[in-house]
Amino acid sequence: QVQLVESGGGLVQAGGSLRLSCAASGHTFSTFTMGWFRQAPGKEREFVAAITWGGGSTYYADSVKGRFTISRDNAKATMYLQMNSLRPEDTAVYYCAAERYYSGSYYYTRAYDYWGQGTQVTVSS
């Protein structure tokens, strides 16, 4: 079993920055594709970013491209999401997720086997 714990959420003004972390335990983190998703009230969970096991490939939703950066430190079994130029529409609960076997379907929630409990990000205007 894999446990994922997010941290780093909070309240920030528009234009500000936050860095989210996702700490993993219980399995071989370095072999997983990892992803960030978010869910705003009344909306479906949506893809934000993903990173392959070695960090060689990263993927972003168009809405965050150029503002968010995903990274990982396999030695620390931790993934990060640096969020800059935050906007009110970025307000959501942010979840990290892990995929045991690479499928190439990083955009879809169904590709992921493990999820964290989420961390709230609120951007005020």
C-alpha atoms as a PDB file:
ATOM      1  CA  GLN A   1       0.000   0.000   0.000  1.00  0.00           C
ATOM      2  CA  VAL A   2       1.143   3.531  -0.790  1.00  0.00           C
ATOM      3  CA  GLN A   3       0.404   6.548   1.342  1.00  0.00           C
ATOM      4  CA  LEU A   4       0.459  10.028  -0.161  1.00  0.00           C
ATOM      5  CA  VAL A   5       0.350  13.146   1.986  1.00  0.00           C
ATOM      6  CA  GLU A   6       0.022  16.622   0.500  1.00  0.00           C
ATOM      7  CA  SER A   7       1.126  19.813   2.230  1.00  0.00           C
ATOM      8  CA  GLY A   8       1.792  23.437   1.420  1.00  0.00           C
ATOM      9  CA  GLY A   9      -1.686  24.683   0.647  1.00  0.00           C
ATOM     10  CA  GLY A  10      -3.058  27.906   2.049  1.00  0.00           C
ATOM     11  CA  LEU A  11      -4.486  31.332   1.335  1.00  0.00           C
ATOM     12  CA  VAL A  12      -2.621  33.608  -1.046  1.00  0.00           C
ATOM     13  CA  GLN A  13      -3.412  36.781  -2.957  1.00  0.00           C
ATOM     14  CA  ALA A  14      -3.729  36.788  -6.720  1.00  0.00           C
ATOM     15  CA  GLY A  15      -0.299  36.966  -8.297  1.00  0.00           C
ATOM     16  CA  GLY A  16       1.313  35.161  -5.395  1.00  0.00           C
ATOM     17  CA  SER A  17       3.039  31.800  -5.180  1.00  0.00           C
ATOM     18  CA  LEU A  18       2.750  28.549  -3.284  1.00  0.00           C
ATOM     19  CA  ARG A  19       4.685  25.303  -3.362  1.00  0.00           C
ATOM     20  CA  LEU A  20       2.827  22.078  -2.743  1.00  0.00           C
ATOM     21  CA  SER A  21       4.560  18.905  -1.629  1.00  0.00           C
ATOM     22  CA  CYS A  22       3.458  15.298  -1.833  1.00  0.00           C
ATOM     23  CA  ALA A  23       5.319  12.860   0.396  1.00  0.00           C
ATOM     24  CA  ALA A  24       5.035   9.173  -0.456  1.00  0.00           C
ATOM     25  CA  SER A  25       5.655   6.119   1.662  1.00  0.00           C
ATOM     26  CA  GLY A  26       5.053   2.418   1.544  1.00  0.00           C
ATOM     27  CA  HIS A  27       6.326   1.498  -1.898  1.00  0.00           C
ATOM     28  CA  THR A  28       8.909   2.262  -4.561  1.00  0.00           C
ATOM     29  CA  PHE A  29       8.139   5.890  -5.273  1.00  0.00           C
ATOM     30  CA  SER A  30      10.800   6.198  -7.942  1.00  0.00           C
ATOM     31  CA  THR A  31       8.978   3.820 -10.292  1.00  0.00           C
ATOM     32  CA  PHE A  32       5.671   5.705 -10.277  1.00  0.00           C
ATOM     33  CA  THR A  33       4.338   8.265 -12.642  1.00  0.00           C
ATOM     34  CA  MET A  34       2.999  11.017 -10.409  1.00  0.00           C
ATOM     35  CA  GLY A  35       0.322  13.595 -10.989  1.00  0.00           C
ATOM     36  CA  TRP A  36      -1.421  16.611  -9.515  1.00  0.00           C
ATOM     37  CA  PHE A  37      -5.153  17.134  -9.871  1.00  0.00           C
ATOM     38  CA  ARG A  38      -7.503  19.720  -8.443  1.00  0.00           C
ATOM     39  CA  GLN A  39     -11.178  19.983  -7.671  1.00  0.00           C
ATOM     40  CA  ALA A  40     -13.107  23.191  -7.183  1.00  0.00           C
ATOM     41  CA  PRO A  41     -16.511  23.246  -5.456  1.00  0.00           C
ATOM     42  CA  GLY A  42     -19.216  21.922  -7.748  1.00  0.00           C
ATOM     43  CA  LYS A  43     -16.732  20.844 -10.413  1.00  0.00           C
ATOM     44  CA  GLU A  44     -15.139  17.600 -11.460  1.00  0.00           C
ATOM     45  CA  ARG A  45     -11.588  16.742 -10.527  1.00  0.00           C
ATOM     46  CA  GLU A  46      -9.273  17.968 -13.268  1.00  0.00           C
ATOM     47  CA  PHE A  47      -5.738  17.273 -14.369  1.00  0.00           C
ATOM     48  CA  VAL A  48      -3.088  19.833 -13.481  1.00  0.00           C
ATOM     49  CA  ALA A  49       0.325  18.264 -14.145  1.00  0.00           C
ATOM     50  CA  ALA A  50       2.164  14.956 -14.303  1.00  0.00           C
ATOM     51  CA  ILE A  51       5.757  13.757 -14.221  1.00  0.00           C
ATOM     52  CA  THR A  52       7.252  10.431 -15.264  1.00  0.00           C
ATOM     53  CA  TRP A  53       9.240   8.247 -12.920  1.00  0.00           C
ATOM     54  CA  GLY A  54      12.651   9.741 -13.699  1.00  0.00           C
ATOM     55  CA  GLY A  55      11.386  13.261 -14.158  1.00  0.00           C
ATOM     56  CA  GLY A  56      12.347  13.219 -17.800  1.00  0.00           C
ATOM     57  CA  SER A  57       8.894  14.102 -19.046  1.00  0.00           C
ATOM     58  CA  THR A  58       6.400  16.551 -17.645  1.00  0.00           C
ATOM     59  CA  TYR A  59       2.902  17.421 -18.758  1.00  0.00           C
ATOM     60  CA  TYR A  60       0.646  20.352 -17.927  1.00  0.00           C
ATOM     61  CA  ALA A  61      -2.910  21.441 -18.384  1.00  0.00           C
ATOM     62  CA  ASP A  62      -3.155  24.427 -20.701  1.00  0.00           C
ATOM     63  CA  SER A  63      -4.614  26.506 -17.885  1.00  0.00           C
ATOM     64  CA  VAL A  64      -1.429  26.252 -15.787  1.00  0.00           C
ATOM     65  CA  LYS A  65       1.259  25.999 -18.457  1.00  0.00           C
ATOM     66  CA  GLY A  66       3.951  28.601 -17.915  1.00  0.00           C
ATOM     67  CA  ARG A  67       2.835  29.277 -14.342  1.00  0.00           C
ATOM     68  CA  PHE A  68       3.151  25.917 -12.575  1.00  0.00           C
ATOM     69  CA  THR A  69       6.165  23.614 -12.440  1.00  0.00           C
ATOM     70  CA  ILE A  70       6.066  19.969 -11.383  1.00  0.00           C
ATOM     71  CA  SER A  71       9.174  18.238 -10.069  1.00  0.00           C
ATOM     72  CA  ARG A  72      10.192  15.286  -7.950  1.00  0.00           C
ATOM     73  CA  ASP A  73      13.008  14.154  -5.701  1.00  0.00           C
ATOM     74  CA  ASN A  74      13.099  10.362  -5.751  1.00  0.00           C
ATOM     75  CA  ALA A  75      15.677  10.234  -2.971  1.00  0.00           C
ATOM     76  CA  LYS A  76      13.176  11.982  -0.709  1.00  0.00           C
ATOM     77  CA  ALA A  77      10.141  10.217  -2.190  1.00  0.00           C
ATOM     78  CA  THR A  78       8.549  13.629  -2.650  1.00  0.00           C
ATOM     79  CA  MET A  79       6.880  15.434  -5.512  1.00  0.00           C
ATOM     80  CA  TYR A  80       6.384  19.191  -5.757  1.00  0.00           C
ATOM     81  CA  LEU A  81       4.181  21.671  -7.531  1.00  0.00           C
ATOM     82  CA  GLN A  82       5.520  25.202  -7.692  1.00  0.00           C
ATOM     83  CA  MET A  83       2.621  27.528  -8.428  1.00  0.00           C
ATOM     84  CA  ASN A  84       3.358  31.081  -9.521  1.00  0.00           C
ATOM     85  CA  SER A  85       1.154  33.922 -10.740  1.00  0.00           C
ATOM     86  CA  LEU A  86      -1.794  32.383  -8.981  1.00  0.00           C
ATOM     87  CA  ARG A  87      -5.292  33.383 -10.021  1.00  0.00           C
ATOM     88  CA  PRO A  88      -8.638  33.159  -8.204  1.00  0.00           C
ATOM     89  CA  GLU A  89      -9.663  30.413 -10.631  1.00  0.00           C
ATOM     90  CA  ASP A  90      -6.826  28.258  -9.275  1.00  0.00           C
ATOM     91  CA  THR A  91      -8.765  27.957  -6.021  1.00  0.00           C
ATOM     92  CA  ALA A  92      -9.411  24.268  -5.376  1.00  0.00           C
ATOM     93  CA  VAL A  93      -8.439  21.261  -3.334  1.00  0.00           C
ATOM     94  CA  TYR A  94      -5.230  19.897  -4.837  1.00  0.00           C
ATOM     95  CA  TYR A  95      -4.578  16.165  -4.854  1.00  0.00           C
ATOM     96  CA  CYS A  96      -1.483  14.182  -5.637  1.00  0.00           C
ATOM     97  CA  ALA A  97      -1.765  10.781  -7.251  1.00  0.00           C
ATOM     98  CA  ALA A  98       0.497   7.861  -8.129  1.00  0.00           C
ATOM     99  CA  GLU A  99       0.320   5.461 -11.054  1.00  0.00           C
ATOM    100  CA  ARG A 100       2.025   2.100 -10.541  1.00  0.00           C
ATOM    101  CA  TYR A 101       2.442   1.148 -14.181  1.00  0.00           C
ATOM    102  CA  TYR A 102       2.924   3.757 -16.856  1.00  0.00           C
ATOM    103  CA  SER A 103      -0.053   3.874 -19.178  1.00  0.00           C
ATOM    104  CA  GLY A 104       0.423   7.170 -20.943  1.00  0.00           C
ATOM    105  CA  SER A 105      -3.027   8.190 -19.727  1.00  0.00           C
ATOM    106  CA  TYR A 106      -1.676  10.656 -17.185  1.00  0.00           C
ATOM    107  CA  TYR A 107      -4.504  13.090 -17.967  1.00  0.00           C
ATOM    108  CA  TYR A 108      -7.197  10.810 -16.590  1.00  0.00           C
ATOM    109  CA  THR A 109      -8.017  10.144 -12.947  1.00  0.00           C
ATOM    110  CA  ARG A 110      -8.661   6.478 -13.776  1.00  0.00           C
ATOM    111  CA  ALA A 111      -4.978   5.963 -14.598  1.00  0.00           C
ATOM    112  CA  TYR A 112      -3.931   6.508 -10.985  1.00  0.00           C
ATOM    113  CA  ASP A 113      -3.892   3.874  -8.288  1.00  0.00           C
ATOM    114  CA  TYR A 114      -3.248   5.950  -5.172  1.00  0.00           C
ATOM    115  CA  TRP A 115      -4.475   9.344  -4.007  1.00  0.00           C
ATOM    116  CA  GLY A 116      -3.711  11.724  -1.210  1.00  0.00           C
ATOM    117  CA  GLN A 117      -6.381  13.434   0.890  1.00  0.00           C
ATOM    118  CA  GLY A 118      -5.831  16.820  -0.682  1.00  0.00           C
ATOM    119  CA  THR A 119      -4.706  20.263   0.394  1.00  0.00           C
ATOM    120  CA  GLN A 120      -6.760  23.436   0.019  1.00  0.00           C
ATOM    121  CA  VAL A 121      -5.455  26.295  -2.096  1.00  0.00           C
ATOM    122  CA  THR A 122      -7.395  29.553  -1.954  1.00  0.00           C
ATOM    123  CA  VAL A 123      -6.459  32.527  -4.110  1.00  0.00           C
ATOM    124  CA  SER A 124      -8.087  35.817  -3.215  1.00  0.00           C
ATOM    125  CA  SER A 125      -8.645  38.580  -5.755  1.00  0.00           C
END
